[in-house]
Amino acid sequence: MSIASIIKGRPGIKKFVHRLLIPKNEARPRLWVKLFLNRFFHSRGKGSVIRRVRVDILPFNKFALGAHSIIEDFSTINNGVGDLLIGDNTLIGMGNVLIGPVKIGNNVIFAQNIVASGLNHEYKDTQIPIRDQPITTAQITVEDDCWIAANVVITAGVTIGKHSVIAAGSVVTKSVPPYTIAAGNPAKLIKKYDENLKDWVRC
């Protein structure tokens, strides 16, 4: 049995280890985790850049940033409840918030002030504050060559297919097929690429 299995199987030990990594009621890891521990668990590709970013990255879930990818200033990245994987040659623009589980492919453009969160809060029990209820997670996937414009929200469980475009200000609540353009709140398909015409046509 691995050490991780032992920790996960014993609530008391799990809580103790969690407090060693993260202060109570916070998402940000302790400084020693950032400076010393994470380097043994996560990967950064050649030429990758993380600028002035809030890095809430912990060792018990994966974090990877591909070669020549950039995370710009004032963004927040968080793998506390799920893996956060970013491919090669991808730009994460200023002020983005990425909360795993999120997988972003190669050659993707995230513009500014985008939120992609694979986390949701339960709220069913009205006798318990929402903050004290369980969380749920569902994988967000953004495939290769996509452009996500400014101020987009991508909700848990959504997949955005290859070479798709999400218009500025959209709220994506359902998956988007490859080679399509989606816009609105909630986002709807407005164009798709026609292979025969070699052009983008209205849906």
C-alpha atoms as a PDB file:
ATOM      1  CA  MET A   1       0.000   0.000   0.000  1.00  0.00           C
ATOM      2  CA  SER A   2       1.404   3.409  -0.992  1.00  0.00           C
ATOM      3  CA  ILE A   3       1.856   6.331   1.392  1.00  0.00           C
ATOM      4  CA  ALA A   4      -0.797   8.280  -0.545  1.00  0.00           C
ATOM      5  CA  SER A   5      -3.310   5.444  -0.071  1.00  0.00           C
ATOM      6  CA  ILE A   6      -2.617   5.303   3.657  1.00  0.00           C
ATOM      7  CA  ILE A   7      -3.110   9.075   3.997  1.00  0.00           C
ATOM      8  CA  LYS A   8      -6.332   9.064   1.956  1.00  0.00           C
ATOM      9  CA  GLY A   9      -7.720   6.111   3.905  1.00  0.00           C
ATOM     10  CA  ARG A  10      -7.281   7.687   7.329  1.00  0.00           C
ATOM     11  CA  PRO A  11      -9.211  10.933   7.832  1.00  0.00           C
ATOM     12  CA  GLY A  12      -7.172  12.052  10.852  1.00  0.00           C
ATOM     13  CA  ILE A  13      -3.856  11.676   9.046  1.00  0.00           C
ATOM     14  CA  LYS A  14      -5.308  13.242   5.884  1.00  0.00           C
ATOM     15  CA  LYS A  15      -6.475  16.305   7.833  1.00  0.00           C
ATOM     16  CA  PHE A  16      -3.071  16.635   9.535  1.00  0.00           C
ATOM     17  CA  VAL A  17      -1.155  16.425   6.243  1.00  0.00           C
ATOM     18  CA  HIS A  18      -3.589  18.893   4.652  1.00  0.00           C
ATOM     19  CA  ARG A  19      -2.879  21.421   7.421  1.00  0.00           C
ATOM     20  CA  LEU A  20       0.868  20.986   6.840  1.00  0.00           C
ATOM     21  CA  LEU A  21       0.333  21.951   3.213  1.00  0.00           C
ATOM     22  CA  ILE A  22      -2.438  24.587   3.458  1.00  0.00           C
ATOM     23  CA  PRO A  23      -3.520  26.907   6.312  1.00  0.00           C
ATOM     24  CA  LYS A  24      -7.053  26.371   7.623  1.00  0.00           C
ATOM     25  CA  ASN A  25      -9.846  27.915   5.491  1.00  0.00           C
ATOM     26  CA  GLU A  26      -7.405  28.893   2.725  1.00  0.00           C
ATOM     27  CA  ALA A  27      -6.665  27.694  -0.801  1.00  0.00           C
ATOM     28  CA  ARG A  28      -3.124  29.065  -1.001  1.00  0.00           C
ATOM     29  CA  PRO A  29      -0.387  26.558  -0.064  1.00  0.00           C
ATOM     30  CA  ARG A  30       2.187  27.320   2.582  1.00  0.00           C
ATOM     31  CA  LEU A  31       5.414  28.949   1.421  1.00  0.00           C
ATOM     32  CA  TRP A  32       7.549  25.845   2.019  1.00  0.00           C
ATOM     33  CA  VAL A  33       5.294  23.905  -0.369  1.00  0.00           C
ATOM     34  CA  LYS A  34       5.861  26.475  -3.135  1.00  0.00           C
ATOM     35  CA  LEU A  35       9.587  26.838  -2.567  1.00  0.00           C
ATOM     36  CA  PHE A  36      10.659  23.268  -1.894  1.00  0.00           C
ATOM     37  CA  LEU A  37       8.025  20.564  -2.358  1.00  0.00           C
ATOM     38  CA  ASN A  38       6.303  21.343  -5.661  1.00  0.00           C
ATOM     39  CA  ARG A  39       9.461  21.161  -7.766  1.00  0.00           C
ATOM     40  CA  PHE A  40       9.603  17.403  -7.170  1.00  0.00           C
ATOM     41  CA  PHE A  41       6.027  16.783  -8.364  1.00  0.00           C
ATOM     42  CA  HIS A  42       5.272  19.151 -11.270  1.00  0.00           C
ATOM     43  CA  SER A  43       6.690  19.765 -14.737  1.00  0.00           C
ATOM     44  CA  ARG A  44       7.560  22.883 -16.713  1.00  0.00           C
ATOM     45  CA  GLY A  45       8.470  22.685 -20.389  1.00  0.00           C
ATOM     46  CA  LYS A  46      11.434  24.394 -22.012  1.00  0.00           C
ATOM     47  CA  GLY A  47      10.884  28.115 -22.481  1.00  0.00           C
ATOM     48  CA  SER A  48       7.695  28.193 -20.399  1.00  0.00           C
ATOM     49  CA  VAL A  49       7.002  31.371 -18.402  1.00  0.00           C
ATOM     50  CA  ILE A  50       4.900  32.068 -15.311  1.00  0.00           C
ATOM     51  CA  ARG A  51       4.748  35.809 -14.643  1.00  0.00           C
ATOM     52  CA  ARG A  52       3.264  37.532 -11.558  1.00  0.00           C
ATOM     53  CA  VAL A  53       0.669  34.856 -10.914  1.00  0.00           C
ATOM     54  CA  ARG A  54      -1.087  33.497  -7.845  1.00  0.00           C
ATOM     55  CA  VAL A  55       0.142  29.897  -7.855  1.00  0.00           C
ATOM     56  CA  ASP A  56      -2.101  27.734  -5.666  1.00  0.00           C
ATOM     57  CA  ILE A  57      -0.413  24.513  -6.735  1.00  0.00           C
ATOM     58  CA  LEU A  58      -0.156  21.502  -4.438  1.00  0.00           C
ATOM     59  CA  PRO A  59       1.735  18.223  -4.749  1.00  0.00           C
ATOM     60  CA  PHE A  60      -1.227  15.831  -4.493  1.00  0.00           C
ATOM     61  CA  ASN A  61      -2.656  16.723  -7.943  1.00  0.00           C
ATOM     62  CA  LYS A  62      -0.781  17.216 -11.213  1.00  0.00           C
ATOM     63  CA  PHE A  63       0.360  20.511 -12.674  1.00  0.00           C
ATOM     64  CA  ALA A  64       2.130  20.728 -16.031  1.00  0.00           C
ATOM     65  CA  LEU A  65       2.961  23.708 -18.220  1.00  0.00           C
ATOM     66  CA  GLY A  66       4.128  22.838 -21.734  1.00  0.00           C
ATOM     67  CA  ALA A  67       7.097  24.108 -23.690  1.00  0.00           C
ATOM     68  CA  HIS A  68       6.993  27.793 -24.672  1.00  0.00           C
ATOM     69  CA  SER A  69       3.657  28.341 -22.918  1.00  0.00           C
ATOM     70  CA  ILE A  70       3.037  31.505 -20.911  1.00  0.00           C
ATOM     71  CA  ILE A  71       0.796  32.347 -17.961  1.00  0.00           C
ATOM     72  CA  GLU A  72       0.468  36.127 -17.862  1.00  0.00           C
ATOM     73  CA  ASP A  73       0.259  38.550 -14.929  1.00  0.00           C
ATOM     74  CA  PHE A  74      -2.552  38.599 -12.356  1.00  0.00           C
ATOM     75  CA  SER A  75      -3.807  35.108 -13.182  1.00  0.00           C
ATOM     76  CA  THR A  76      -4.645  32.432 -10.617  1.00  0.00           C
ATOM     77  CA  ILE A  77      -3.894  28.756 -11.144  1.00  0.00           C
ATOM     78  CA  ASN A  78      -5.201  26.149  -8.721  1.00  0.00           C
ATOM     79  CA  ASN A  79      -4.925  22.350  -8.737  1.00  0.00           C
ATOM     80  CA  GLY A  80      -6.277  21.825  -5.225  1.00  0.00           C
ATOM     81  CA  VAL A  81      -9.245  19.682  -6.328  1.00  0.00           C
ATOM     82  CA  GLY A  82      -8.044  18.434  -9.721  1.00  0.00           C
ATOM     83  CA  ASP A  83      -5.162  18.276 -12.173  1.00  0.00           C
ATOM     84  CA  LEU A  84      -4.250  21.399 -14.159  1.00  0.00           C
ATOM     85  CA  LEU A  85      -2.522  20.514 -17.432  1.00  0.00           C
ATOM     86  CA  ILE A  86      -1.521  23.076 -20.068  1.00  0.00           C
ATOM     87  CA  GLY A  87       0.022  22.055 -23.401  1.00  0.00           C
ATOM     88  CA  ASP A  88       2.764  23.540 -25.580  1.00  0.00           C
ATOM     89  CA  ASN A  89       2.769  27.019 -27.183  1.00  0.00           C
ATOM     90  CA  THR A  90      -0.308  28.067 -25.237  1.00  0.00           C
ATOM     91  CA  LEU A  91      -1.014  31.574 -23.953  1.00  0.00           C
ATOM     92  CA  ILE A  92      -2.942  32.107 -20.719  1.00  0.00           C
ATOM     93  CA  GLY A  93      -3.646  35.848 -20.796  1.00  0.00           C
ATOM     94  CA  MET A  94      -3.836  38.403 -18.004  1.00  0.00           C
ATOM     95  CA  GLY A  95      -6.280  37.939 -15.143  1.00  0.00           C
ATOM     96  CA  ASN A  96      -7.373  34.379 -15.915  1.00  0.00           C
ATOM     97  CA  VAL A  97      -8.586  31.972 -13.222  1.00  0.00           C
ATOM     98  CA  LEU A  98      -8.004  28.256 -13.822  1.00  0.00           C
ATOM     99  CA  ILE A  99      -9.256  25.801 -11.201  1.00  0.00           C
ATOM    100  CA  GLY A 100      -8.734  22.101 -11.951  1.00  0.00           C
ATOM    101  CA  PRO A 101      -9.598  19.629 -13.145  1.00  0.00           C
ATOM    102  CA  VAL A 102      -8.720  21.487 -16.353  1.00  0.00           C
ATOM    103  CA  LYS A 103      -6.819  20.255 -19.411  1.00  0.00           C
ATOM    104  CA  ILE A 104      -5.793  22.786 -22.076  1.00  0.00           C
ATOM    105  CA  GLY A 105      -4.203  21.621 -25.319  1.00  0.00           C
ATOM    106  CA  ASN A 106      -1.451  22.942 -27.569  1.00  0.00           C
ATOM    107  CA  ASN A 107      -1.497  26.285 -29.419  1.00  0.00           C
ATOM    108  CA  VAL A 108      -4.452  27.584 -27.418  1.00  0.00           C
ATOM    109  CA  ILE A 109      -5.126  31.292 -26.816  1.00  0.00           C
ATOM    110  CA  PHE A 110      -6.867  32.323 -23.600  1.00  0.00           C
ATOM    111  CA  ALA A 111      -7.451  36.090 -23.753  1.00  0.00           C
ATOM    112  CA  GLN A 112      -8.085  38.175 -20.595  1.00  0.00           C
ATOM    113  CA  ASN A 113     -10.260  37.662 -17.503  1.00  0.00           C
ATOM    114  CA  ILE A 114     -11.412  34.126 -18.338  1.00  0.00           C
ATOM    115  CA  VAL A 115     -12.684  31.767 -15.642  1.00  0.00           C
ATOM    116  CA  ALA A 116     -12.437  28.006 -16.213  1.00  0.00           C
ATOM    117  CA  SER A 117     -13.419  26.136 -13.059  1.00  0.00           C
ATOM    118  CA  GLY A 118     -13.898  22.390 -12.809  1.00  0.00           C
ATOM    119  CA  LEU A 119     -15.252  22.870  -9.267  1.00  0.00           C
ATOM    120  CA  ASN A 120     -18.820  23.321  -8.035  1.00  0.00           C
ATOM    121  CA  HIS A 121     -20.311  23.717  -4.557  1.00  0.00           C
ATOM    122  CA  GLU A 122     -23.240  21.650  -3.313  1.00  0.00           C
ATOM    123  CA  TYR A 123     -26.152  23.699  -1.961  1.00  0.00           C
ATOM    124  CA  LYS A 124     -28.985  21.166  -1.533  1.00  0.00           C
ATOM    125  CA  ASP A 125     -29.085  21.129   2.275  1.00  0.00           C
ATOM    126  CA  THR A 126     -30.573  24.457   3.376  1.00  0.00           C
ATOM    127  CA  GLN A 127     -29.626  23.790   7.011  1.00  0.00           C
ATOM    128  CA  ILE A 128     -25.903  23.876   6.223  1.00  0.00           C
ATOM    129  CA  PRO A 129     -24.027  26.908   4.874  1.00  0.00           C
ATOM    130  CA  ILE A 130     -23.042  26.341   1.252  1.00  0.00           C
ATOM    131  CA  ARG A 131     -19.376  26.836   2.118  1.00  0.00           C
ATOM    132  CA  ASP A 132     -19.576  23.831   4.488  1.00  0.00           C
ATOM    133  CA  GLN A 133     -21.237  21.487   1.991  1.00  0.00           C
ATOM    134  CA  PRO A 134     -19.289  19.076  -0.238  1.00  0.00           C
ATOM    135  CA  ILE A 135     -17.762  20.109  -3.532  1.00  0.00           C
ATOM    136  CA  THR A 136     -18.086  18.322  -6.850  1.00  0.00           C
ATOM    137  CA  THR A 137     -15.671  18.342  -9.762  1.00  0.00           C
ATOM    138  CA  ALA A 138     -15.991  17.671 -13.494  1.00  0.00           C
ATOM    139  CA  GLN A 139     -13.225  17.813 -16.071  1.00  0.00           C
ATOM    140  CA  ILE A 140     -12.924  20.852 -18.378  1.00  0.00           C
ATOM    141  CA  THR A 141     -11.076  20.135 -21.629  1.00  0.00           C
ATOM    142  CA  VAL A 142     -10.022  22.731 -24.196  1.00  0.00           C
ATOM    143  CA  GLU A 143      -8.567  20.936 -27.206  1.00  0.00           C
ATOM    144  CA  ASP A 144      -5.753  22.120 -29.486  1.00  0.00           C
ATOM    145  CA  ASP A 145      -5.782  25.370 -31.479  1.00  0.00           C
ATOM    146  CA  CYS A 146      -8.746  27.033 -29.724  1.00  0.00           C
ATOM    147  CA  TRP A 147      -9.222  30.763 -29.136  1.00  0.00           C
ATOM    148  CA  ILE A 148     -11.124  31.713 -25.986  1.00  0.00           C
ATOM    149  CA  ALA A 149     -11.876  35.450 -26.106  1.00  0.00           C
ATOM    150  CA  ALA A 150     -11.997  37.881 -23.180  1.00  0.00           C
ATOM    151  CA  ASN A 151     -14.360  37.541 -20.203  1.00  0.00           C
ATOM    152  CA  VAL A 152     -15.521  34.004 -21.021  1.00  0.00           C
ATOM    153  CA  VAL A 153     -16.731  31.617 -18.305  1.00  0.00           C
ATOM    154  CA  ILE A 154     -16.269  27.869 -18.886  1.00  0.00           C
ATOM    155  CA  THR A 155     -18.251  25.724 -16.469  1.00  0.00           C
ATOM    156  CA  ALA A 156     -17.387  22.312 -15.033  1.00  0.00           C
ATOM    157  CA  GLY A 157     -17.698  19.316 -17.340  1.00  0.00           C
ATOM    158  CA  VAL A 158     -17.414  21.236 -20.628  1.00  0.00           C
ATOM    159  CA  THR A 159     -15.238  20.157 -23.572  1.00  0.00           C
ATOM    160  CA  ILE A 160     -14.356  22.692 -26.264  1.00  0.00           C
ATOM    161  CA  GLY A 161     -13.381  20.910 -29.457  1.00  0.00           C
ATOM    162  CA  LYS A 162     -10.322  21.479 -31.610  1.00  0.00           C
ATOM    163  CA  HIS A 163      -9.899  24.802 -33.460  1.00  0.00           C
ATOM    164  CA  SER A 164     -13.037  26.316 -31.974  1.00  0.00           C
ATOM    165  CA  VAL A 165     -13.636  29.947 -31.044  1.00  0.00           C
ATOM    166  CA  ILE A 166     -15.603  31.186 -28.031  1.00  0.00           C
ATOM    167  CA  ALA A 167     -16.753  34.802 -28.450  1.00  0.00           C
ATOM    168  CA  ALA A 168     -16.039  37.439 -25.803  1.00  0.00           C
ATOM    169  CA  GLY A 169     -18.322  37.443 -22.770  1.00  0.00           C
ATOM    170  CA  SER A 170     -19.784  33.998 -23.415  1.00  0.00           C
ATOM    171  CA  VAL A 171     -20.789  31.553 -20.680  1.00  0.00           C
ATOM    172  CA  VAL A 172     -20.095  28.026 -21.870  1.00  0.00           C
ATOM    173  CA  THR A 173     -22.376  25.547 -20.097  1.00  0.00           C
ATOM    174  CA  LYS A 174     -22.405  22.777 -22.734  1.00  0.00           C
ATOM    175  CA  SER A 175     -19.676  21.162 -24.789  1.00  0.00           C
ATOM    176  CA  VAL A 176     -18.710  22.751 -28.111  1.00  0.00           C
ATOM    177  CA  PRO A 177     -17.847  20.530 -31.114  1.00  0.00           C
ATOM    178  CA  PRO A 178     -14.588  20.941 -33.030  1.00  0.00           C
ATOM    179  CA  TYR A 179     -14.335  23.639 -35.715  1.00  0.00           C
ATOM    180  CA  THR A 180     -17.215  25.749 -34.451  1.00  0.00           C
ATOM    181  CA  ILE A 181     -17.801  29.263 -33.125  1.00  0.00           C
ATOM    182  CA  ALA A 182     -19.978  29.744 -30.045  1.00  0.00           C
ATOM    183  CA  ALA A 183     -21.296  32.967 -28.502  1.00  0.00           C
ATOM    184  CA  GLY A 184     -23.750  34.194 -25.883  1.00  0.00           C
ATOM    185  CA  ASN A 185     -25.033  33.424 -22.403  1.00  0.00           C
ATOM    186  CA  PRO A 186     -25.523  30.537 -22.424  1.00  0.00           C
ATOM    187  CA  ALA A 187     -23.199  30.013 -25.389  1.00  0.00           C
ATOM    188  CA  LYS A 188     -24.790  28.690 -28.574  1.00  0.00           C
ATOM    189  CA  LEU A 189     -23.228  27.576 -31.842  1.00  0.00           C
ATOM    190  CA  ILE A 190     -23.305  30.350 -34.440  1.00  0.00           C
ATOM    191  CA  LYS A 191     -20.859  29.100 -37.092  1.00  0.00           C
ATOM    192  CA  LYS A 192     -19.114  25.906 -38.156  1.00  0.00           C
ATOM    193  CA  TYR A 193     -16.379  25.173 -40.632  1.00  0.00           C
ATOM    194  CA  ASP A 194     -17.584  23.563 -43.868  1.00  0.00           C
ATOM    195  CA  GLU A 195     -14.840  21.366 -45.278  1.00  0.00           C
ATOM    196  CA  ASN A 196     -16.406  21.342 -48.758  1.00  0.00           C
ATOM    197  CA  LEU A 197     -16.764  25.128 -48.987  1.00  0.00           C
ATOM    198  CA  LYS A 198     -13.509  25.773 -47.124  1.00  0.00           C
ATOM    199  CA  ASP A 199     -15.328  28.483 -45.192  1.00  0.00           C
ATOM    200  CA  TRP A 200     -17.152  29.207 -41.935  1.00  0.00           C
ATOM    201  CA  VAL A 201     -20.925  29.046 -42.364  1.00  0.00           C
ATOM    202  CA  ARG A 202     -23.806  29.971 -40.051  1.00  0.00           C
ATOM    203  CA  CYS A 203     -25.376  27.124 -38.093  1.00  0.00           C
END
